[in-house]
């Protein structure tokens, strides 16, 4: 899976990147709460019911990231911790 974004390289670039970051964080929070589907960026598996509680393939590093994202969605840890 690839993601391509075209953005102007001018004074609006920081605002564009900030808007993209906010949109991605909002989507991740929704998926962590089970409000929308989620796609794992490592294995590209999709989870229509939202972010699982642990890695579907048993990878501890992925499970740690999932748990961090779920904690951020609950407000237990600051964003981008």
PDB file of N, CA and C in Angstrom:
ATOM      1  N   UNK A   1       0.854  -1.161   0.000  1.00  0.00           N
ATOM      2  CA  UNK A   1       0.000   0.000   0.000  1.00  0.00           C
ATOM      3  C   UNK A   1       0.899   1.223   0.000  1.00  0.00           C
ATOM      4  N   UNK A   2       0.502   2.213  -0.764  1.00  0.00           N
ATOM      5  CA  UNK A   2       1.274   3.451  -0.836  1.00  0.00           C
ATOM      6  C   UNK A   2       0.334   4.631  -0.630  1.00  0.00           C
ATOM      7  N   UNK A   3       0.887   5.681  -0.073  1.00  0.00           N
ATOM      8  CA  UNK A   3       0.133   6.912   0.139  1.00  0.00           C
ATOM      9  C   UNK A   3       0.920   8.025  -0.514  1.00  0.00           C
ATOM     10  N   UNK A   4       0.269   8.717  -1.410  1.00  0.00           N
ATOM     11  CA  UNK A   4       0.922   9.817  -2.099  1.00  0.00           C
ATOM     12  C   UNK A   4       0.145  11.089  -1.822  1.00  0.00           C
ATOM     13  N   UNK A   5       0.856  12.108  -1.431  1.00  0.00           N
ATOM     14  CA  UNK A   5       0.232  13.404  -1.175  1.00  0.00           C
ATOM     15  C   UNK A   5       1.020  14.454  -1.946  1.00  0.00           C
ATOM     16  N   UNK A   6       0.288  15.300  -2.620  1.00  0.00           N
ATOM     17  CA  UNK A   6       0.923  16.401  -3.333  1.00  0.00           C
ATOM     18  C   UNK A   6       0.596  17.674  -2.570  1.00  0.00           C
ATOM     19  N   UNK A   7       1.633  18.387  -2.183  1.00  0.00           N
ATOM     20  CA  UNK A   7       1.455  19.613  -1.415  1.00  0.00           C
ATOM     21  C   UNK A   7       2.361  20.691  -1.991  1.00  0.00           C
ATOM     22  N   UNK A   8       1.899  21.910  -1.954  1.00  0.00           N
ATOM     23  CA  UNK A   8       2.741  22.997  -2.462  1.00  0.00           C
ATOM     24  C   UNK A   8       3.963  23.204  -1.558  1.00  0.00           C
ATOM     25  N   UNK A   9       5.076  23.473  -2.166  1.00  0.00           N
ATOM     26  CA  UNK A   9       6.298  23.759  -1.412  1.00  0.00           C
ATOM     27  C   UNK A   9       6.431  25.281  -1.328  1.00  0.00           C
ATOM     28  N   UNK A  10       5.650  25.842  -0.450  1.00  0.00           N
ATOM     29  CA  UNK A  10       5.687  27.283  -0.234  1.00  0.00           C
ATOM     30  C   UNK A  10       5.354  27.549   1.225  1.00  0.00           C
ATOM     31  N   UNK A  11       4.977  28.757   1.542  1.00  0.00           N
ATOM     32  CA  UNK A  11       4.718  29.108   2.943  1.00  0.00           C
ATOM     33  C   UNK A  11       3.536  28.352   3.551  1.00  0.00           C
ATOM     34  N   UNK A  12       2.688  27.734   2.709  1.00  0.00           N
ATOM     35  CA  UNK A  12       1.539  27.001   3.246  1.00  0.00           C
ATOM     36  C   UNK A  12       1.883  25.549   3.601  1.00  0.00           C
ATOM     37  N   UNK A  13       3.096  25.088   3.296  1.00  0.00           N
ATOM     38  CA  UNK A  13       3.462  23.695   3.570  1.00  0.00           C
ATOM     39  C   UNK A  13       3.306  23.327   5.047  1.00  0.00           C
ATOM     40  N   UNK A  14       3.776  24.133   6.004  1.00  0.00           N
ATOM     41  CA  UNK A  14       3.585  23.753   7.413  1.00  0.00           C
ATOM     42  C   UNK A  14       2.106  23.568   7.781  1.00  0.00           C
ATOM     43  N   UNK A  15       1.240  24.426   7.264  1.00  0.00           N
ATOM     44  CA  UNK A  15      -0.196  24.297   7.539  1.00  0.00           C
ATOM     45  C   UNK A  15      -0.753  23.027   6.911  1.00  0.00           C
ATOM     46  N   UNK A  16      -0.289  22.717   5.702  1.00  0.00           N
ATOM     47  CA  UNK A  16      -0.747  21.507   5.017  1.00  0.00           C
ATOM     48  C   UNK A  16      -0.333  20.270   5.803  1.00  0.00           C
ATOM     49  N   UNK A  17       0.905  20.232   6.243  1.00  0.00           N
ATOM     50  CA  UNK A  17       1.388  19.087   7.017  1.00  0.00           C
ATOM     51  C   UNK A  17       0.638  18.984   8.345  1.00  0.00           C
ATOM     52  N   UNK A  18       0.382  20.099   8.982  1.00  0.00           N
ATOM     53  CA  UNK A  18      -0.361  20.093  10.247  1.00  0.00           C
ATOM     54  C   UNK A  18      -1.775  19.560  10.042  1.00  0.00           C
ATOM     55  N   UNK A  19      -2.433  19.958   8.959  1.00  0.00           N
ATOM     56  CA  UNK A  19      -3.788  19.481   8.664  1.00  0.00           C
ATOM     57  C   UNK A  19      -3.785  17.978   8.390  1.00  0.00           C
ATOM     58  N   UNK A  20      -2.785  17.508   7.652  1.00  0.00           N
ATOM     59  CA  UNK A  20      -2.688  16.074   7.378  1.00  0.00           C
ATOM     60  C   UNK A  20      -2.423  15.295   8.658  1.00  0.00           C
ATOM     61  N   UNK A  21      -1.577  15.812   9.533  1.00  0.00           N
ATOM     62  CA  UNK A  21      -1.266  15.168  10.799  1.00  0.00           C
ATOM     63  C   UNK A  21      -2.514  15.073  11.675  1.00  0.00           C
ATOM     64  N   UNK A  22      -3.280  16.155  11.725  1.00  0.00           N
ATOM     65  CA  UNK A  22      -4.515  16.159  12.520  1.00  0.00           C
ATOM     66  C   UNK A  22      -5.519  15.140  11.982  1.00  0.00           C
ATOM     67  N   UNK A  23      -5.674  15.102  10.652  1.00  0.00           N
ATOM     68  CA  UNK A  23      -6.612  14.150  10.050  1.00  0.00           C
ATOM     69  C   UNK A  23      -6.201  12.710  10.363  1.00  0.00           C
ATOM     70  N   UNK A  24      -4.907  12.410  10.276  1.00  0.00           N
ATOM     71  CA  UNK A  24      -4.426  11.058  10.569  1.00  0.00           C
ATOM     72  C   UNK A  24      -4.616  10.726  12.049  1.00  0.00           C
ATOM     73  N   UNK A  25      -4.320  11.663  12.931  1.00  0.00           N
ATOM     74  CA  UNK A  25      -4.514  11.424  14.364  1.00  0.00           C
ATOM     75  C   UNK A  25      -5.982  11.227  14.701  1.00  0.00           C
ATOM     76  N   UNK A  26      -6.869  12.014  14.081  1.00  0.00           N
ATOM     77  CA  UNK A  26      -8.308  11.862  14.326  1.00  0.00           C
ATOM     78  C   UNK A  26      -8.785  10.485  13.871  1.00  0.00           C
ATOM     79  N   UNK A  27      -8.318  10.058  12.683  1.00  0.00           N
ATOM     80  CA  UNK A  27      -8.711   8.751  12.162  1.00  0.00           C
ATOM     81  C   UNK A  27      -8.180   7.638  13.068  1.00  0.00           C
ATOM     82  N   UNK A  28      -6.936   7.746  13.516  1.00  0.00           N
ATOM     83  CA  UNK A  28      -6.354   6.732  14.392  1.00  0.00           C
ATOM     84  C   UNK A  28      -7.136   6.645  15.700  1.00  0.00           C
ATOM     85  N   UNK A  29      -7.512   7.793  16.262  1.00  0.00           N
ATOM     86  CA  UNK A  29      -8.297   7.795  17.497  1.00  0.00           C
ATOM     87  C   UNK A  29      -9.649   7.123  17.294  1.00  0.00           C
ATOM     88  N   UNK A  30     -10.315   7.416  16.186  1.00  0.00           N
ATOM     89  CA  UNK A  30     -11.615   6.788  15.899  1.00  0.00           C
ATOM     90  C   UNK A  30     -11.463   5.274  15.770  1.00  0.00           C
ATOM     91  N   UNK A  31     -10.431   4.840  15.050  1.00  0.00           N
ATOM     92  CA  UNK A  31     -10.201   3.404  14.880  1.00  0.00           C
ATOM     93  C   UNK A  31      -9.876   2.740  16.211  1.00  0.00           C
ATOM     94  N   UNK A  32      -9.100   3.420  17.055  1.00  0.00           N
ATOM     95  CA  UNK A  32      -8.749   2.874  18.367  1.00  0.00           C
ATOM     96  C   UNK A  32      -9.984   2.701  19.247  1.00  0.00           C
ATOM     97  N   UNK A  33     -10.976   3.555  19.049  1.00  0.00           N
ATOM     98  CA  UNK A  33     -12.229   3.452  19.813  1.00  0.00           C
ATOM     99  C   UNK A  33     -13.239   2.519  19.150  1.00  0.00           C
ATOM    100  N   UNK A  34     -12.884   1.958  17.983  1.00  0.00           N
ATOM    101  CA  UNK A  34     -13.787   1.043  17.278  1.00  0.00           C
ATOM    102  C   UNK A  34     -14.882   1.753  16.513  1.00  0.00           C
ATOM    103  N   UNK A  35     -14.676   3.029  16.192  1.00  0.00           N
ATOM    104  CA  UNK A  35     -15.700   3.818  15.489  1.00  0.00           C
ATOM    105  C   UNK A  35     -15.578   3.726  13.967  1.00  0.00           C
ATOM    106  N   UNK A  36     -14.449   3.199  13.479  1.00  0.00           N
ATOM    107  CA  UNK A  36     -14.263   3.044  12.035  1.00  0.00           C
ATOM    108  C   UNK A  36     -13.236   1.950  11.784  1.00  0.00           C
ATOM    109  N   UNK A  37     -13.115   1.549  10.541  1.00  0.00           N
ATOM    110  CA  UNK A  37     -12.165   0.507  10.171  1.00  0.00           C
ATOM    111  C   UNK A  37     -10.732   0.997  10.351  1.00  0.00           C
ATOM    112  N   UNK A  38      -9.813   0.048  10.425  1.00  0.00           N
ATOM    113  CA  UNK A  38      -8.392   0.358  10.594  1.00  0.00           C
ATOM    114  C   UNK A  38      -7.583  -0.561   9.712  1.00  0.00           C
ATOM    115  N   UNK A  39      -6.489  -0.066   9.167  1.00  0.00           N
ATOM    116  CA  UNK A  39      -5.572  -0.863   8.357  1.00  0.00           C
ATOM    117  C   UNK A  39      -4.197  -0.791   9.005  1.00  0.00           C
ATOM    118  N   UNK A  40      -3.607  -1.940   9.263  1.00  0.00           N
ATOM    119  CA  UNK A  40      -2.278  -1.990   9.862  1.00  0.00           C
ATOM    120  C   UNK A  40      -1.247  -1.543   8.831  1.00  0.00           C
ATOM    121  N   UNK A  41      -0.425  -0.599   9.199  1.00  0.00           N
ATOM    122  CA  UNK A  41       0.583  -0.094   8.264  1.00  0.00           C
ATOM    123  C   UNK A  41       1.741  -1.064   8.077  1.00  0.00           C
ATOM    124  N   UNK A  42       1.880  -2.048   8.956  1.00  0.00           N
ATOM    125  CA  UNK A  42       2.959  -3.028   8.805  1.00  0.00           C
ATOM    126  C   UNK A  42       2.552  -4.188   7.893  1.00  0.00           C
ATOM    127  N   UNK A  43       1.411  -4.793   8.160  1.00  0.00           N
ATOM    128  CA  UNK A  43       1.013  -5.984   7.397  1.00  0.00           C
ATOM    129  C   UNK A  43      -0.088  -5.704   6.373  1.00  0.00           C
ATOM    130  N   UNK A  44      -0.648  -4.501   6.410  1.00  0.00           N
ATOM    131  CA  UNK A  44      -1.717  -4.081   5.485  1.00  0.00           C
ATOM    132  C   UNK A  44      -3.011  -4.879   5.656  1.00  0.00           C
ATOM    133  N   UNK A  45      -3.174  -5.568   6.786  1.00  0.00           N
ATOM    134  CA  UNK A  45      -4.439  -6.250   7.070  1.00  0.00           C
ATOM    135  C   UNK A  45      -5.465  -5.202   7.467  1.00  0.00           C
ATOM    136  N   UNK A  46      -6.690  -5.406   7.043  1.00  0.00           N
ATOM    137  CA  UNK A  46      -7.746  -4.468   7.415  1.00  0.00           C
ATOM    138  C   UNK A  46      -8.605  -5.076   8.518  1.00  0.00           C
ATOM    139  N   UNK A  47      -9.077  -4.201   9.377  1.00  0.00           N
ATOM    140  CA  UNK A  47      -9.907  -4.587  10.513  1.00  0.00           C
ATOM    141  C   UNK A  47     -11.164  -3.716  10.485  1.00  0.00           C
ATOM    142  N   UNK A  48     -12.249  -4.214   9.862  1.00  0.00           N
ATOM    143  CA  UNK A  48     -13.467  -3.411   9.713  1.00  0.00           C
ATOM    144  C   UNK A  48     -14.058  -2.951  11.046  1.00  0.00           C
ATOM    145  N   UNK A  49     -13.811  -3.709  12.108  1.00  0.00           N
ATOM    146  CA  UNK A  49     -14.379  -3.377  13.419  1.00  0.00           C
ATOM    147  C   UNK A  49     -13.534  -2.374  14.186  1.00  0.00           C
ATOM    148  N   UNK A  50     -12.433  -1.947  13.620  1.00  0.00           N
ATOM    149  CA  UNK A  50     -11.565  -0.983  14.288  1.00  0.00           C
ATOM    150  C   UNK A  50     -10.250  -1.624  14.698  1.00  0.00           C
ATOM    151  N   UNK A  51      -9.454  -0.858  15.408  1.00  0.00           N
ATOM    152  CA  UNK A  51      -8.130  -1.318  15.830  1.00  0.00           C
ATOM    153  C   UNK A  51      -8.268  -2.470  16.829  1.00  0.00           C
ATOM    154  N   UNK A  52      -7.568  -3.583  16.579  1.00  0.00           N
ATOM    155  CA  UNK A  52      -7.635  -4.698  17.535  1.00  0.00           C
ATOM    156  C   UNK A  52      -6.868  -4.343  18.809  1.00  0.00           C
ATOM    157  N   UNK A  53      -6.990  -5.194  19.819  1.00  0.00           N
ATOM    158  CA  UNK A  53      -6.284  -4.956  21.082  1.00  0.00           C
ATOM    159  C   UNK A  53      -4.825  -5.386  21.028  1.00  0.00           C
ATOM    160  N   UNK A  54      -4.500  -6.256  20.074  1.00  0.00           N
ATOM    161  CA  UNK A  54      -3.122  -6.706  19.918  1.00  0.00           C
ATOM    162  C   UNK A  54      -2.877  -7.089  18.464  1.00  0.00           C
ATOM    163  N   UNK A  55      -1.627  -7.241  18.116  1.00  0.00           N
ATOM    164  CA  UNK A  55      -1.233  -7.580  16.757  1.00  0.00           C
ATOM    165  C   UNK A  55      -1.839  -8.931  16.358  1.00  0.00           C
ATOM    166  N   UNK A  56      -2.418  -8.976  15.174  1.00  0.00           N
ATOM    167  CA  UNK A  56      -3.027 -10.209  14.680  1.00  0.00           C
ATOM    168  C   UNK A  56      -1.977 -11.272  14.368  1.00  0.00           C
ATOM    169  N   UNK A  57      -0.721 -10.877  14.263  1.00  0.00           N
ATOM    170  CA  UNK A  57       0.357 -11.804  13.929  1.00  0.00           C
ATOM    171  C   UNK A  57       1.298 -12.055  15.105  1.00  0.00           C
ATOM    172  N   UNK A  58       0.955 -11.546  16.272  1.00  0.00           N
ATOM    173  CA  UNK A  58       1.731 -11.812  17.474  1.00  0.00           C
ATOM    174  C   UNK A  58       3.005 -11.008  17.631  1.00  0.00           C
ATOM    175  N   UNK A  59       3.159  -9.920  16.903  1.00  0.00           N
ATOM    176  CA  UNK A  59       4.363  -9.098  17.012  1.00  0.00           C
ATOM    177  C   UNK A  59       4.231  -8.134  18.196  1.00  0.00           C
ATOM    178  N   UNK A  60       5.106  -8.256  19.172  1.00  0.00           N
ATOM    179  CA  UNK A  60       5.023  -7.430  20.371  1.00  0.00           C
ATOM    180  C   UNK A  60       5.190  -5.952  20.068  1.00  0.00           C
ATOM    181  N   UNK A  61       6.097  -5.604  19.159  1.00  0.00           N
ATOM    182  CA  UNK A  61       6.295  -4.191  18.809  1.00  0.00           C
ATOM    183  C   UNK A  61       4.993  -3.576  18.292  1.00  0.00           C
ATOM    184  N   UNK A  62       4.288  -4.302  17.443  1.00  0.00           N
ATOM    185  CA  UNK A  62       3.010  -3.806  16.921  1.00  0.00           C
ATOM    186  C   UNK A  62       1.970  -3.689  18.039  1.00  0.00           C
ATOM    187  N   UNK A  63       1.936  -4.692  18.918  1.00  0.00           N
ATOM    188  CA  UNK A  63       0.998  -4.652  20.048  1.00  0.00           C
ATOM    189  C   UNK A  63       1.282  -3.445  20.930  1.00  0.00           C
ATOM    190  N   UNK A  64       2.563  -3.139  21.150  1.00  0.00           N
ATOM    191  CA  UNK A  64       2.922  -1.965  21.948  1.00  0.00           C
ATOM    192  C   UNK A  64       2.410  -0.676  21.295  1.00  0.00           C
ATOM    193  N   UNK A  65       2.532  -0.571  19.987  1.00  0.00           N
ATOM    194  CA  UNK A  65       2.050   0.615  19.270  1.00  0.00           C
ATOM    195  C   UNK A  65       0.530   0.702  19.346  1.00  0.00           C
ATOM    196  N   UNK A  66      -0.133  -0.429  19.174  1.00  0.00           N
ATOM    197  CA  UNK A  66      -1.598  -0.461  19.260  1.00  0.00           C
ATOM    198  C   UNK A  66      -2.048  -0.007  20.646  1.00  0.00           C
ATOM    199  N   UNK A  67      -1.409  -0.546  21.689  1.00  0.00           N
ATOM    200  CA  UNK A  67      -1.780  -0.170  23.062  1.00  0.00           C
ATOM    201  C   UNK A  67      -1.533   1.316  23.312  1.00  0.00           C
ATOM    202  N   UNK A  68      -0.421   1.854  22.778  1.00  0.00           N
ATOM    203  CA  UNK A  68      -0.138   3.285  22.910  1.00  0.00           C
ATOM    204  C   UNK A  68      -1.220   4.113  22.215  1.00  0.00           C
ATOM    205  N   UNK A  69      -1.585   3.715  20.996  1.00  0.00           N
ATOM    206  CA  UNK A  69      -2.601   4.459  20.254  1.00  0.00           C
ATOM    207  C   UNK A  69      -3.952   4.411  20.960  1.00  0.00           C
ATOM    208  N   UNK A  70      -4.293   3.274  21.519  1.00  0.00           N
ATOM    209  CA  UNK A  70      -5.559   3.164  22.254  1.00  0.00           C
ATOM    210  C   UNK A  70      -5.532   4.030  23.517  1.00  0.00           C
ATOM    211  N   UNK A  71      -4.385   4.072  24.203  1.00  0.00           N
ATOM    212  CA  UNK A  71      -4.249   4.918  25.398  1.00  0.00           C
ATOM    213  C   UNK A  71      -4.364   6.396  25.022  1.00  0.00           C
ATOM    214  N   UNK A  72      -3.784   6.783  23.890  1.00  0.00           N
ATOM    215  CA  UNK A  72      -3.904   8.179  23.437  1.00  0.00           C
ATOM    216  C   UNK A  72      -5.358   8.514  23.113  1.00  0.00           C
ATOM    217  N   UNK A  73      -6.076   7.585  22.481  1.00  0.00           N
ATOM    218  CA  UNK A  73      -7.480   7.817  22.129  1.00  0.00           C
ATOM    219  C   UNK A  73      -8.337   8.000  23.379  1.00  0.00           C
ATOM    220  N   UNK A  74      -7.969   7.297  24.458  1.00  0.00           N
ATOM    221  CA  UNK A  74      -8.704   7.437  25.724  1.00  0.00           C
ATOM    222  C   UNK A  74      -8.278   8.688  26.491  1.00  0.00           C
ATOM    223  N   UNK A  75      -7.161   9.296  26.081  1.00  0.00           N
ATOM    224  CA  UNK A  75      -6.654  10.454  26.788  1.00  0.00           C
ATOM    225  C   UNK A  75      -5.768  10.095  27.961  1.00  0.00           C
ATOM    226  N   UNK A  76      -5.339   8.832  28.036  1.00  0.00           N
ATOM    227  CA  UNK A  76      -4.485   8.379  29.142  1.00  0.00           C
ATOM    228  C   UNK A  76      -3.038   8.842  28.993  1.00  0.00           C
ATOM    229  N   UNK A  77      -2.591   9.080  27.774  1.00  0.00           N
ATOM    230  CA  UNK A  77      -1.241   9.569  27.507  1.00  0.00           C
ATOM    231  C   UNK A  77      -1.337  10.719  26.503  1.00  0.00           C
ATOM    232  N   UNK A  78      -0.389  11.648  26.523  1.00  0.00           N
ATOM    233  CA  UNK A  78      -0.457  12.769  25.585  1.00  0.00           C
ATOM    234  C   UNK A  78      -0.250  12.295  24.147  1.00  0.00           C
ATOM    235  N   UNK A  79      -0.806  13.024  23.162  1.00  0.00           N
ATOM    236  CA  UNK A  79      -0.621  12.665  21.757  1.00  0.00           C
ATOM    237  C   UNK A  79       0.862  12.603  21.387  1.00  0.00           C
ATOM    238  N   UNK A  80       1.163  11.687  20.478  1.00  0.00           N
ATOM    239  CA  UNK A  80       2.521  11.488  19.965  1.00  0.00           C
ATOM    240  C   UNK A  80       3.520  11.156  21.062  1.00  0.00           C
ATOM    241  N   UNK A  81       3.075  10.415  22.064  1.00  0.00           N
ATOM    242  CA  UNK A  81       3.963   9.991  23.172  1.00  0.00           C
ATOM    243  C   UNK A  81       4.897   8.901  22.708  1.00  0.00           C
TER     244      UNK A  81
END
